[in-house]
Amino acid sequence: MDWKEINDLLNSQIKENTDVFYGYEQIKKFLSQNNLPIAQIDIKGILRDFQDWLIEILEKEPIPNNIKSIYFGIATMSFPEVDNGKEKTTVYIAGSKMTPTEDADWVCDTAYFPNRRYLLLDDFEKIDKLKSEKKLSGDYEVLVFNGLLNLLVLNSVNNLKYEFLTYQDKKLGIFKIEKRRVSLHFGAGFDSGDVYLFKELKNE
């Protein structure tokens, strides 16, 4: 696989705000052209699980007003209470007080780290198994894991625009009132890799 072609495909999907269903078809076509295995993903199910997770976080642990950027990370993690602590490719959410234009290391400036931040997706486990059996490369991981995550973020941010741009402000230190933030930046990527940046979400 050519890394430039992979990177160009993922960036073009972000630029064109590609639908998650069509986007995964593009990824599968790329894999097929390179004679690489394809995981059979339940796109409707993975999008539902991802958005349900986000809705729960945004309702129970709203993003504070001082957060300017949201990062969706991908990491290999293990949880003692899940599958005997077996390592799995895991998605998480975090927030920064900085924007990508203000600080190149904005993803490291974590100021919002909700308790429900980790998400284990069943379909990611299918890809993990395939990756292990076929001894697939890091480029394959970026194309499939990061590609899918990018598409999930694109579609979910559009669907949950109101929720992302709403924050709670305390009046007189007691009562909470809902207010709207001006904008929010988004990025996604592997902890050890490049960050894919999305169009700024604006209150307009």
N, C-alpha and C. Protein backbone atom coordinates (compact mmCIF):
# COMPACT_ATOMS: atom_id res chain seq x y z
N MET A 1 0.85 -1.20 0.00
CA MET A 1 0.00 0.00 0.00
C MET A 1 0.88 1.24 0.00
N ASP A 2 0.40 2.25 -0.72
CA ASP A 2 1.12 3.51 -0.77
C ASP A 2 0.56 4.45 0.31
N TRP A 3 1.43 4.91 1.23
CA TRP A 3 0.96 5.75 2.32
C TRP A 3 0.32 7.04 1.83
N LYS A 4 0.89 7.63 0.81
CA LYS A 4 0.35 8.89 0.30
C LYS A 4 -1.09 8.70 -0.20
N GLU A 5 -1.36 7.58 -0.85
CA GLU A 5 -2.71 7.31 -1.34
C GLU A 5 -3.68 7.15 -0.17
N ILE A 6 -3.22 6.48 0.88
CA ILE A 6 -4.07 6.31 2.08
C ILE A 6 -4.38 7.66 2.70
N ASN A 7 -3.34 8.44 2.91
CA ASN A 7 -3.49 9.76 3.54
C ASN A 7 -4.39 10.67 2.69
N ASP A 8 -4.20 10.62 1.38
CA ASP A 8 -5.02 11.44 0.48
C ASP A 8 -6.49 11.03 0.55
N LEU A 9 -6.74 9.72 0.63
CA LEU A 9 -8.13 9.25 0.71
C LEU A 9 -8.79 9.73 1.99
N LEU A 10 -8.11 9.58 3.12
CA LEU A 10 -8.71 9.97 4.40
C LEU A 10 -8.93 11.48 4.46
N ASN A 11 -7.98 12.24 3.95
CA ASN A 11 -8.15 13.70 3.95
C ASN A 11 -9.26 14.14 3.00
N SER A 12 -9.41 13.45 1.87
CA SER A 12 -10.47 13.81 0.93
C SER A 12 -11.84 13.50 1.52
N GLN A 13 -11.95 12.43 2.30
CA GLN A 13 -13.22 12.10 2.95
C GLN A 13 -13.61 13.18 3.95
N ILE A 14 -12.62 13.69 4.67
CA ILE A 14 -12.89 14.77 5.63
C ILE A 14 -13.30 16.03 4.88
N LYS A 15 -12.57 16.37 3.85
CA LYS A 15 -12.85 17.59 3.09
C LYS A 15 -14.24 17.55 2.47
N GLU A 16 -14.64 16.39 1.99
CA GLU A 16 -15.93 16.25 1.30
C GLU A 16 -17.06 15.87 2.25
N ASN A 17 -16.74 15.76 3.56
CA ASN A 17 -17.76 15.42 4.57
C ASN A 17 -18.51 14.15 4.17
N THR A 18 -17.73 13.13 3.86
CA THR A 18 -18.27 11.88 3.30
C THR A 18 -19.17 11.14 4.27
N ASP A 19 -20.27 10.63 3.74
CA ASP A 19 -21.19 9.79 4.52
C ASP A 19 -20.47 8.52 4.95
N VAL A 20 -20.77 8.04 6.16
CA VAL A 20 -20.05 6.90 6.73
C VAL A 20 -20.24 5.63 5.90
N PHE A 21 -21.41 5.44 5.31
CA PHE A 21 -21.66 4.25 4.51
C PHE A 21 -20.84 4.27 3.22
N TYR A 22 -20.89 5.38 2.51
CA TYR A 22 -20.13 5.51 1.27
C TYR A 22 -18.63 5.52 1.56
N GLY A 23 -18.26 6.15 2.67
CA GLY A 23 -16.85 6.24 3.03
C GLY A 23 -16.22 4.87 3.26
N TYR A 24 -16.96 3.98 3.93
CA TYR A 24 -16.39 2.65 4.17
C TYR A 24 -16.33 1.85 2.87
N GLU A 25 -17.26 2.11 1.95
CA GLU A 25 -17.18 1.46 0.64
C GLU A 25 -15.91 1.88 -0.08
N GLN A 26 -15.52 3.14 0.05
CA GLN A 26 -14.27 3.63 -0.54
C GLN A 26 -13.07 2.91 0.08
N ILE A 27 -13.10 2.74 1.39
CA ILE A 27 -12.00 2.06 2.09
C ILE A 27 -11.92 0.59 1.63
N LYS A 28 -13.07 -0.06 1.53
CA LYS A 28 -13.09 -1.46 1.08
C LYS A 28 -12.57 -1.58 -0.35
N LYS A 29 -12.92 -0.64 -1.20
CA LYS A 29 -12.44 -0.66 -2.59
C LYS A 29 -10.92 -0.53 -2.62
N PHE A 30 -10.39 0.34 -1.78
CA PHE A 30 -8.93 0.53 -1.71
C PHE A 30 -8.26 -0.77 -1.25
N LEU A 31 -8.83 -1.42 -0.24
CA LEU A 31 -8.27 -2.67 0.26
C LEU A 31 -8.31 -3.75 -0.81
N SER A 32 -9.43 -3.83 -1.51
CA SER A 32 -9.59 -4.83 -2.56
C SER A 32 -8.55 -4.63 -3.67
N GLN A 33 -8.33 -3.38 -4.05
CA GLN A 33 -7.36 -3.08 -5.10
C GLN A 33 -5.94 -3.45 -4.69
N ASN A 34 -5.69 -3.52 -3.38
CA ASN A 34 -4.37 -3.86 -2.87
C ASN A 34 -4.31 -5.29 -2.32
N ASN A 35 -5.33 -6.09 -2.66
CA ASN A 35 -5.39 -7.50 -2.25
C ASN A 35 -5.23 -7.69 -0.74
N LEU A 36 -5.92 -6.85 0.01
CA LEU A 36 -5.87 -6.91 1.46
C LEU A 36 -7.22 -7.34 2.03
N PRO A 37 -7.23 -8.03 3.16
CA PRO A 37 -8.48 -8.52 3.73
C PRO A 37 -9.41 -7.39 4.18
N ILE A 38 -10.70 -7.67 4.10
CA ILE A 38 -11.71 -6.68 4.43
C ILE A 38 -12.58 -7.20 5.57
N ALA A 39 -12.70 -6.42 6.62
CA ALA A 39 -13.57 -6.79 7.74
C ALA A 39 -15.01 -6.42 7.40
N GLN A 40 -15.93 -7.34 7.67
CA GLN A 40 -17.34 -7.07 7.42
C GLN A 40 -17.92 -6.30 8.61
N ILE A 41 -18.06 -5.01 8.40
CA ILE A 41 -18.48 -4.10 9.47
C ILE A 41 -19.97 -3.79 9.37
N ASP A 42 -20.64 -3.78 10.51
CA ASP A 42 -22.03 -3.34 10.59
C ASP A 42 -22.01 -1.82 10.75
N ILE A 43 -22.01 -1.12 9.63
CA ILE A 43 -21.85 0.33 9.66
C ILE A 43 -22.99 1.01 10.42
N LYS A 44 -24.21 0.56 10.19
CA LYS A 44 -25.35 1.15 10.90
C LYS A 44 -25.21 0.94 12.40
N GLY A 45 -24.76 -0.25 12.79
CA GLY A 45 -24.60 -0.57 14.21
C GLY A 45 -23.46 0.20 14.85
N ILE A 46 -22.34 0.31 14.15
CA ILE A 46 -21.18 1.00 14.74
C ILE A 46 -21.46 2.50 14.87
N LEU A 47 -22.21 3.06 13.92
CA LEU A 47 -22.58 4.48 14.00
C LEU A 47 -23.54 4.69 15.17
N ARG A 48 -24.48 3.78 15.35
CA ARG A 48 -25.44 3.89 16.47
C ARG A 48 -24.70 3.81 17.81
N ASP A 49 -23.80 2.84 17.95
CA ASP A 49 -23.07 2.67 19.21
C ASP A 49 -22.21 3.90 19.51
N PHE A 50 -21.57 4.43 18.48
CA PHE A 50 -20.71 5.60 18.65
C PHE A 50 -21.53 6.81 19.08
N GLN A 51 -22.66 7.03 18.43
CA GLN A 51 -23.48 8.20 18.75
C GLN A 51 -24.17 8.04 20.11
N ASP A 52 -24.59 6.84 20.46
CA ASP A 52 -25.18 6.61 21.78
C ASP A 52 -24.17 6.93 22.88
N TRP A 53 -22.93 6.53 22.65
CA TRP A 53 -21.84 6.82 23.59
C TRP A 53 -21.65 8.32 23.75
N LEU A 54 -21.62 9.03 22.62
CA LEU A 54 -21.45 10.49 22.67
C LEU A 54 -22.62 11.18 23.35
N ILE A 55 -23.82 10.75 23.05
CA ILE A 55 -25.01 11.35 23.65
C ILE A 55 -24.96 11.20 25.17
N GLU A 56 -24.58 10.01 25.65
CA GLU A 56 -24.50 9.78 27.10
C GLU A 56 -23.45 10.70 27.73
N ILE A 57 -22.30 10.84 27.08
CA ILE A 57 -21.26 11.72 27.62
C ILE A 57 -21.73 13.16 27.64
N LEU A 58 -22.27 13.63 26.53
CA LEU A 58 -22.67 15.04 26.43
C LEU A 58 -23.81 15.38 27.38
N GLU A 59 -24.65 14.39 27.71
CA GLU A 59 -25.74 14.63 28.65
C GLU A 59 -25.26 14.60 30.10
N LYS A 60 -24.42 13.63 30.43
CA LYS A 60 -24.02 13.42 31.82
C LYS A 60 -22.73 14.14 32.20
N GLU A 61 -21.86 14.42 31.22
CA GLU A 61 -20.60 15.11 31.48
C GLU A 61 -20.37 16.17 30.40
N PRO A 62 -21.22 17.20 30.40
CA PRO A 62 -21.16 18.22 29.35
C PRO A 62 -19.76 18.84 29.21
N ILE A 63 -19.44 19.23 27.99
CA ILE A 63 -18.14 19.85 27.71
C ILE A 63 -18.13 21.26 28.29
N PRO A 64 -17.18 21.58 29.16
CA PRO A 64 -17.13 22.92 29.76
C PRO A 64 -16.89 24.01 28.72
N ASN A 65 -17.25 25.22 29.08
CA ASN A 65 -17.13 26.35 28.15
C ASN A 65 -15.68 26.66 27.77
N ASN A 66 -14.73 26.34 28.65
CA ASN A 66 -13.34 26.69 28.36
C ASN A 66 -12.66 25.70 27.41
N ILE A 67 -13.37 24.65 27.02
CA ILE A 67 -12.82 23.68 26.07
C ILE A 67 -13.04 24.18 24.64
N LYS A 68 -11.96 24.26 23.89
CA LYS A 68 -12.04 24.76 22.51
C LYS A 68 -11.93 23.66 21.46
N SER A 69 -11.37 22.52 21.85
CA SER A 69 -11.13 21.44 20.88
C SER A 69 -11.42 20.08 21.49
N ILE A 70 -11.94 19.19 20.67
CA ILE A 70 -12.22 17.82 21.08
C ILE A 70 -11.37 16.87 20.25
N TYR A 71 -10.74 15.90 20.94
CA TYR A 71 -9.89 14.93 20.27
C TYR A 71 -10.45 13.53 20.48
N PHE A 72 -10.56 12.79 19.39
CA PHE A 72 -10.94 11.38 19.45
C PHE A 72 -9.68 10.57 19.19
N GLY A 73 -9.20 9.90 20.23
CA GLY A 73 -7.97 9.15 20.13
C GLY A 73 -8.20 7.66 19.91
N ILE A 74 -7.17 7.01 19.36
CA ILE A 74 -7.18 5.56 19.17
C ILE A 74 -5.95 5.01 19.87
N ALA A 75 -6.15 4.04 20.75
CA ALA A 75 -5.03 3.46 21.48
C ALA A 75 -5.28 1.98 21.74
N THR A 76 -4.21 1.22 21.90
CA THR A 76 -4.33 -0.18 22.28
C THR A 76 -4.33 -0.25 23.80
N MET A 77 -5.44 -0.72 24.36
CA MET A 77 -5.59 -0.71 25.80
C MET A 77 -6.17 -2.02 26.29
N SER A 78 -6.03 -2.26 27.58
CA SER A 78 -6.64 -3.43 28.20
C SER A 78 -7.40 -3.00 29.44
N PHE A 79 -8.50 -3.69 29.69
CA PHE A 79 -9.33 -3.40 30.85
C PHE A 79 -9.53 -4.71 31.61
N PRO A 80 -9.12 -4.76 32.87
CA PRO A 80 -9.17 -6.02 33.65
C PRO A 80 -10.54 -6.69 33.65
N GLU A 81 -11.60 -5.87 33.61
CA GLU A 81 -12.96 -6.43 33.71
C GLU A 81 -13.52 -6.85 32.35
N VAL A 82 -12.77 -6.64 31.27
CA VAL A 82 -13.26 -6.95 29.92
C VAL A 82 -12.38 -8.01 29.27
N ASP A 83 -12.95 -9.16 28.95
CA ASP A 83 -12.25 -10.21 28.21
C ASP A 83 -10.89 -10.57 28.83
N ASN A 84 -10.87 -10.69 30.14
CA ASN A 84 -9.65 -11.07 30.88
C ASN A 84 -8.47 -10.12 30.62
N GLY A 85 -8.79 -8.87 30.38
CA GLY A 85 -7.73 -7.88 30.21
C GLY A 85 -7.01 -7.95 28.87
N LYS A 86 -7.62 -8.59 27.88
CA LYS A 86 -7.01 -8.69 26.55
C LYS A 86 -6.89 -7.31 25.92
N GLU A 87 -5.76 -7.03 25.27
CA GLU A 87 -5.55 -5.73 24.64
C GLU A 87 -6.49 -5.56 23.44
N LYS A 88 -7.09 -4.37 23.35
CA LYS A 88 -8.03 -4.09 22.28
C LYS A 88 -7.81 -2.66 21.76
N THR A 89 -8.09 -2.47 20.50
CA THR A 89 -8.04 -1.11 19.94
C THR A 89 -9.24 -0.34 20.46
N THR A 90 -8.96 0.74 21.16
CA THR A 90 -9.97 1.48 21.92
C THR A 90 -10.06 2.93 21.46
N VAL A 91 -11.27 3.45 21.42
CA VAL A 91 -11.50 4.86 21.11
C VAL A 91 -11.71 5.62 22.42
N TYR A 92 -11.23 6.84 22.48
CA TYR A 92 -11.51 7.67 23.65
C TYR A 92 -11.72 9.12 23.22
N ILE A 93 -12.32 9.89 24.10
CA ILE A 93 -12.58 11.30 23.84
C ILE A 93 -11.90 12.14 24.91
N ALA A 94 -11.34 13.27 24.50
CA ALA A 94 -10.70 14.20 25.43
C ALA A 94 -10.89 15.61 24.87
N GLY A 95 -10.68 16.61 25.72
CA GLY A 95 -10.85 17.99 25.28
C GLY A 95 -9.69 18.87 25.71
N SER A 96 -9.42 19.91 24.92
CA SER A 96 -8.31 20.83 25.18
C SER A 96 -8.80 22.26 25.25
N LYS A 97 -8.09 23.08 26.02
CA LYS A 97 -8.39 24.51 26.08
C LYS A 97 -7.77 25.26 24.91
N MET A 98 -6.98 24.56 24.11
CA MET A 98 -6.29 25.18 22.98
C MET A 98 -6.92 24.72 21.67
N THR A 99 -6.69 25.47 20.60
CA THR A 99 -7.11 25.06 19.27
C THR A 99 -5.88 24.60 18.49
N PRO A 100 -6.06 23.87 17.40
CA PRO A 100 -4.91 23.43 16.60
C PRO A 100 -4.06 24.58 16.07
N THR A 101 -4.67 25.74 15.83
CA THR A 101 -3.90 26.88 15.34
C THR A 101 -3.14 27.59 16.45
N GLU A 102 -3.62 27.46 17.69
CA GLU A 102 -2.96 28.09 18.82
C GLU A 102 -1.76 27.29 19.33
N ASP A 103 -1.86 25.96 19.22
CA ASP A 103 -0.82 25.11 19.78
C ASP A 103 -0.77 23.80 19.00
N ALA A 104 0.39 23.51 18.41
CA ALA A 104 0.54 22.29 17.62
C ALA A 104 0.37 21.04 18.49
N ASP A 105 0.62 21.17 19.79
CA ASP A 105 0.49 20.04 20.72
C ASP A 105 -0.81 20.11 21.51
N TRP A 106 -1.85 20.64 20.90
CA TRP A 106 -3.12 20.84 21.60
C TRP A 106 -3.70 19.53 22.14
N VAL A 107 -3.44 18.40 21.45
CA VAL A 107 -4.02 17.14 21.91
C VAL A 107 -3.40 16.66 23.24
N CYS A 108 -2.23 17.20 23.56
CA CYS A 108 -1.57 16.82 24.82
C CYS A 108 -2.02 17.70 25.98
N ASP A 109 -2.68 18.80 25.67
CA ASP A 109 -3.14 19.74 26.69
C ASP A 109 -4.56 19.35 27.11
N THR A 110 -4.66 18.23 27.81
CA THR A 110 -5.96 17.67 28.15
C THR A 110 -6.57 18.34 29.38
N ALA A 111 -7.75 18.93 29.19
CA ALA A 111 -8.44 19.59 30.29
C ALA A 111 -9.85 19.00 30.50
N TYR A 112 -10.29 18.21 29.53
CA TYR A 112 -11.60 17.55 29.64
C TYR A 112 -11.38 16.06 29.38
N PHE A 113 -11.62 15.26 30.40
CA PHE A 113 -11.37 13.83 30.32
C PHE A 113 -12.51 13.12 31.04
N PRO A 114 -13.67 12.98 30.41
CA PRO A 114 -14.85 12.45 31.10
C PRO A 114 -14.67 11.02 31.59
N ASN A 115 -15.39 10.65 32.60
CA ASN A 115 -15.30 9.30 33.17
C ASN A 115 -15.69 8.23 32.16
N ARG A 116 -16.60 8.56 31.26
CA ARG A 116 -17.08 7.61 30.24
C ARG A 116 -16.28 7.71 28.95
N ARG A 117 -15.05 8.14 29.05
CA ARG A 117 -14.26 8.51 27.86
C ARG A 117 -13.90 7.36 26.93
N TYR A 118 -13.89 6.12 27.42
CA TYR A 118 -13.43 4.99 26.60
C TYR A 118 -14.60 4.26 25.94
N LEU A 119 -14.36 3.83 24.70
CA LEU A 119 -15.38 3.09 23.96
C LEU A 119 -14.75 1.88 23.29
N LEU A 120 -15.28 0.70 23.59
CA LEU A 120 -14.86 -0.53 22.92
C LEU A 120 -15.94 -0.90 21.90
N LEU A 121 -15.56 -0.91 20.64
CA LEU A 121 -16.50 -1.22 19.57
C LEU A 121 -16.32 -2.66 19.13
N ASP A 122 -17.42 -3.40 19.04
CA ASP A 122 -17.34 -4.81 18.64
C ASP A 122 -16.69 -4.96 17.26
N ASP A 123 -16.99 -4.06 16.35
CA ASP A 123 -16.43 -4.16 15.01
C ASP A 123 -14.94 -3.87 14.98
N PHE A 124 -14.46 -3.06 15.90
CA PHE A 124 -13.02 -2.84 16.00
C PHE A 124 -12.32 -4.13 16.45
N GLU A 125 -13.03 -4.93 17.25
CA GLU A 125 -12.47 -6.20 17.68
C GLU A 125 -12.31 -7.16 16.49
N LYS A 126 -13.26 -7.10 15.54
CA LYS A 126 -13.15 -7.91 14.33
C LYS A 126 -11.89 -7.53 13.55
N ILE A 127 -11.62 -6.23 13.47
CA ILE A 127 -10.44 -5.75 12.75
C ILE A 127 -9.18 -6.16 13.49
N ASP A 128 -9.20 -6.07 14.82
CA ASP A 128 -8.06 -6.52 15.63
C ASP A 128 -7.72 -7.98 15.34
N LYS A 129 -8.73 -8.81 15.28
CA LYS A 129 -8.52 -10.24 15.02
C LYS A 129 -7.94 -10.46 13.64
N LEU A 130 -8.47 -9.76 12.66
CA LEU A 130 -7.98 -9.86 11.28
C LEU A 130 -6.54 -9.38 11.18
N LYS A 131 -6.27 -8.28 11.85
CA LYS A 131 -4.91 -7.71 11.85
C LYS A 131 -3.91 -8.68 12.44
N SER A 132 -4.30 -9.33 13.52
CA SER A 132 -3.40 -10.29 14.19
C SER A 132 -3.17 -11.54 13.34
N GLU A 133 -4.24 -12.06 12.75
CA GLU A 133 -4.14 -13.29 11.94
C GLU A 133 -3.29 -13.07 10.69
N LYS A 134 -3.45 -11.90 10.06
CA LYS A 134 -2.77 -11.64 8.78
C LYS A 134 -1.48 -10.85 8.94
N LYS A 135 -1.16 -10.49 10.20
CA LYS A 135 0.05 -9.71 10.48
C LYS A 135 0.11 -8.46 9.58
N LEU A 136 -0.93 -7.66 9.68
CA LEU A 136 -1.07 -6.49 8.82
C LEU A 136 -0.30 -5.29 9.36
N SER A 137 0.03 -4.37 8.47
CA SER A 137 0.93 -3.25 8.80
C SER A 137 0.22 -2.11 9.51
N GLY A 138 1.04 -1.16 9.97
CA GLY A 138 0.50 0.04 10.60
C GLY A 138 -0.30 0.88 9.64
N ASP A 139 0.08 0.88 8.36
CA ASP A 139 -0.68 1.63 7.36
C ASP A 139 -2.10 1.08 7.24
N TYR A 140 -2.23 -0.25 7.33
CA TYR A 140 -3.54 -0.89 7.29
C TYR A 140 -4.38 -0.40 8.47
N GLU A 141 -3.77 -0.32 9.64
CA GLU A 141 -4.48 0.15 10.83
C GLU A 141 -5.00 1.57 10.65
N VAL A 142 -4.14 2.43 10.12
CA VAL A 142 -4.56 3.83 9.92
C VAL A 142 -5.72 3.89 8.93
N LEU A 143 -5.58 3.17 7.81
CA LEU A 143 -6.64 3.20 6.79
C LEU A 143 -7.97 2.74 7.36
N VAL A 144 -7.98 1.63 8.10
CA VAL A 144 -9.24 1.06 8.55
C VAL A 144 -9.73 1.66 9.87
N PHE A 145 -8.88 1.62 10.90
CA PHE A 145 -9.31 2.16 12.20
C PHE A 145 -9.51 3.68 12.14
N ASN A 146 -8.47 4.39 11.69
CA ASN A 146 -8.57 5.86 11.66
C ASN A 146 -9.59 6.30 10.61
N GLY A 147 -9.62 5.57 9.49
CA GLY A 147 -10.60 5.90 8.45
C GLY A 147 -12.03 5.78 8.96
N LEU A 148 -12.32 4.68 9.66
CA LEU A 148 -13.66 4.49 10.22
C LEU A 148 -13.97 5.54 11.29
N LEU A 149 -13.00 5.80 12.17
CA LEU A 149 -13.23 6.78 13.22
C LEU A 149 -13.50 8.16 12.62
N ASN A 150 -12.72 8.54 11.62
CA ASN A 150 -12.95 9.83 10.97
C ASN A 150 -14.38 9.93 10.44
N LEU A 151 -14.85 8.88 9.80
CA LEU A 151 -16.21 8.88 9.25
C LEU A 151 -17.26 8.94 10.35
N LEU A 152 -17.03 8.23 11.44
CA LEU A 152 -17.96 8.27 12.58
C LEU A 152 -18.02 9.67 13.18
N VAL A 153 -16.85 10.31 13.31
CA VAL A 153 -16.80 11.67 13.85
C VAL A 153 -17.52 12.64 12.92
N LEU A 154 -17.23 12.56 11.63
CA LEU A 154 -17.86 13.46 10.65
C LEU A 154 -19.38 13.39 10.75
N ASN A 155 -19.92 12.19 10.74
CA ASN A 155 -21.37 12.02 10.75
C ASN A 155 -21.97 12.38 12.10
N SER A 156 -21.29 12.06 13.19
CA SER A 156 -21.84 12.32 14.52
C SER A 156 -21.80 13.79 14.89
N VAL A 157 -20.73 14.47 14.51
CA VAL A 157 -20.65 15.90 14.80
C VAL A 157 -21.77 16.65 14.08
N ASN A 158 -22.06 16.25 12.85
CA ASN A 158 -23.17 16.87 12.11
C ASN A 158 -24.50 16.59 12.79
N ASN A 159 -24.68 15.34 13.23
CA ASN A 159 -25.96 14.95 13.84
C ASN A 159 -26.15 15.52 15.25
N LEU A 160 -25.04 15.77 15.95
CA LEU A 160 -25.12 16.23 17.34
C LEU A 160 -24.57 17.65 17.51
N LYS A 161 -24.73 18.45 16.48
CA LYS A 161 -24.19 19.82 16.50
C LYS A 161 -24.71 20.60 17.70
N TYR A 162 -26.01 20.55 17.96
CA TYR A 162 -26.59 21.30 19.07
C TYR A 162 -25.97 20.88 20.40
N GLU A 163 -25.84 19.56 20.59
CA GLU A 163 -25.31 19.04 21.85
C GLU A 163 -23.85 19.45 22.06
N PHE A 164 -23.05 19.42 21.00
CA PHE A 164 -21.64 19.78 21.12
C PHE A 164 -21.46 21.27 21.42
N LEU A 165 -22.31 22.10 20.86
CA LEU A 165 -22.15 23.55 21.02
C LEU A 165 -22.87 24.12 22.23
N THR A 166 -23.55 23.26 22.99
CA THR A 166 -24.25 23.71 24.19
C THR A 166 -23.40 23.42 25.42
N TYR A 167 -23.33 24.39 26.32
CA TYR A 167 -22.63 24.16 27.58
C TYR A 167 -23.49 24.71 28.72
N GLN A 168 -23.16 24.32 29.95
CA GLN A 168 -23.93 24.76 31.11
C GLN A 168 -23.15 25.79 31.90
N ASP A 169 -23.85 26.86 32.26
CA ASP A 169 -23.22 27.94 33.02
C ASP A 169 -23.98 28.09 34.34
N LYS A 170 -23.23 28.29 35.41
CA LYS A 170 -23.87 28.44 36.72
C LYS A 170 -24.21 29.91 36.98
N LYS A 171 -25.42 30.14 37.38
CA LYS A 171 -25.87 31.49 37.72
C LYS A 171 -25.98 31.58 39.24
N LEU A 172 -25.28 32.54 39.81
CA LEU A 172 -25.23 32.72 41.26
C LEU A 172 -24.64 31.49 41.97
N GLY A 173 -23.88 30.69 41.20
CA GLY A 173 -23.21 29.53 41.77
C GLY A 173 -24.13 28.37 42.08
N ILE A 174 -25.41 28.51 41.75
CA ILE A 174 -26.39 27.47 42.10
C ILE A 174 -27.11 26.94 40.87
N PHE A 175 -27.79 27.82 40.17
CA PHE A 175 -28.62 27.41 39.05
C PHE A 175 -27.80 27.29 37.77
N LYS A 176 -28.08 26.24 37.02
CA LYS A 176 -27.39 26.03 35.74
C LYS A 176 -28.30 26.46 34.59
N ILE A 177 -27.72 27.22 33.68
CA ILE A 177 -28.46 27.62 32.49
C ILE A 177 -27.68 27.21 31.26
N GLU A 178 -28.38 26.86 30.20
CA GLU A 178 -27.73 26.44 28.97
C GLU A 178 -27.32 27.65 28.14
N LYS A 179 -26.11 27.60 27.62
CA LYS A 179 -25.62 28.64 26.73
C LYS A 179 -24.99 27.99 25.51
N ARG A 180 -24.70 28.80 24.50
CA ARG A 180 -24.13 28.28 23.26
C ARG A 180 -22.71 28.79 23.10
N ARG A 181 -21.78 27.89 22.82
CA ARG A 181 -20.41 28.29 22.54
C ARG A 181 -20.31 28.75 21.08
N VAL A 182 -19.29 29.54 20.80
CA VAL A 182 -19.13 30.09 19.45
C VAL A 182 -18.74 29.01 18.46
N SER A 183 -17.78 28.15 18.85
CA SER A 183 -17.31 27.11 17.93
C SER A 183 -16.58 26.03 18.70
N LEU A 184 -16.24 24.96 17.99
CA LEU A 184 -15.50 23.85 18.58
C LEU A 184 -14.69 23.18 17.47
N HIS A 185 -13.43 22.88 17.78
CA HIS A 185 -12.55 22.20 16.82
C HIS A 185 -12.54 20.70 17.13
N PHE A 186 -12.24 19.89 16.10
CA PHE A 186 -12.21 18.44 16.27
C PHE A 186 -11.01 17.84 15.55
N GLY A 187 -10.49 16.77 16.14
CA GLY A 187 -9.41 16.02 15.51
C GLY A 187 -9.51 14.56 15.92
N ALA A 188 -8.86 13.68 15.15
CA ALA A 188 -8.88 12.25 15.47
C ALA A 188 -7.58 11.61 14.99
N GLY A 189 -7.14 10.58 15.73
CA GLY A 189 -5.94 9.88 15.30
C GLY A 189 -5.40 8.92 16.34
N PHE A 190 -4.42 8.14 15.94
CA PHE A 190 -3.72 7.27 16.86
C PHE A 190 -2.84 8.10 17.78
N ASP A 191 -2.69 7.65 19.02
CA ASP A 191 -1.84 8.36 19.97
C ASP A 191 -0.42 8.52 19.44
N SER A 192 0.05 7.53 18.68
CA SER A 192 1.42 7.55 18.18
C SER A 192 1.53 8.03 16.73
N GLY A 193 0.43 8.57 16.19
CA GLY A 193 0.44 8.95 14.78
C GLY A 193 -0.01 10.37 14.52
N ASP A 194 -0.34 10.64 13.26
CA ASP A 194 -0.79 11.97 12.86
C ASP A 194 -2.22 12.22 13.31
N VAL A 195 -2.55 13.49 13.45
CA VAL A 195 -3.91 13.89 13.82
C VAL A 195 -4.62 14.40 12.57
N TYR A 196 -5.80 13.86 12.30
CA TYR A 196 -6.63 14.35 11.21
C TYR A 196 -7.56 15.42 11.75
N LEU A 197 -7.51 16.59 11.14
CA LEU A 197 -8.32 17.72 11.59
C LEU A 197 -9.58 17.87 10.76
N PHE A 198 -10.66 18.25 11.43
CA PHE A 198 -11.95 18.42 10.78
C PHE A 198 -12.32 19.90 10.71
N LYS A 199 -13.31 20.18 9.89
CA LYS A 199 -13.78 21.56 9.77
C LYS A 199 -14.33 22.04 11.11
N GLU A 200 -14.01 23.27 11.47
CA GLU A 200 -14.47 23.86 12.73
C GLU A 200 -15.99 23.89 12.76
N LEU A 201 -16.55 23.40 13.87
CA LEU A 201 -18.00 23.43 14.05
C LEU A 201 -18.38 24.79 14.62
N LYS A 202 -19.25 25.51 13.91
CA LYS A 202 -19.58 26.88 14.33
C LYS A 202 -21.06 27.02 14.65
N ASN A 203 -21.35 27.92 15.55
CA ASN A 203 -22.72 28.22 15.93
C ASN A 203 -23.27 29.25 14.97
N GLU A 204 -23.82 28.72 13.87
CA GLU A 204 -24.38 29.63 12.85
C GLU A 204 -25.55 28.99 12.17
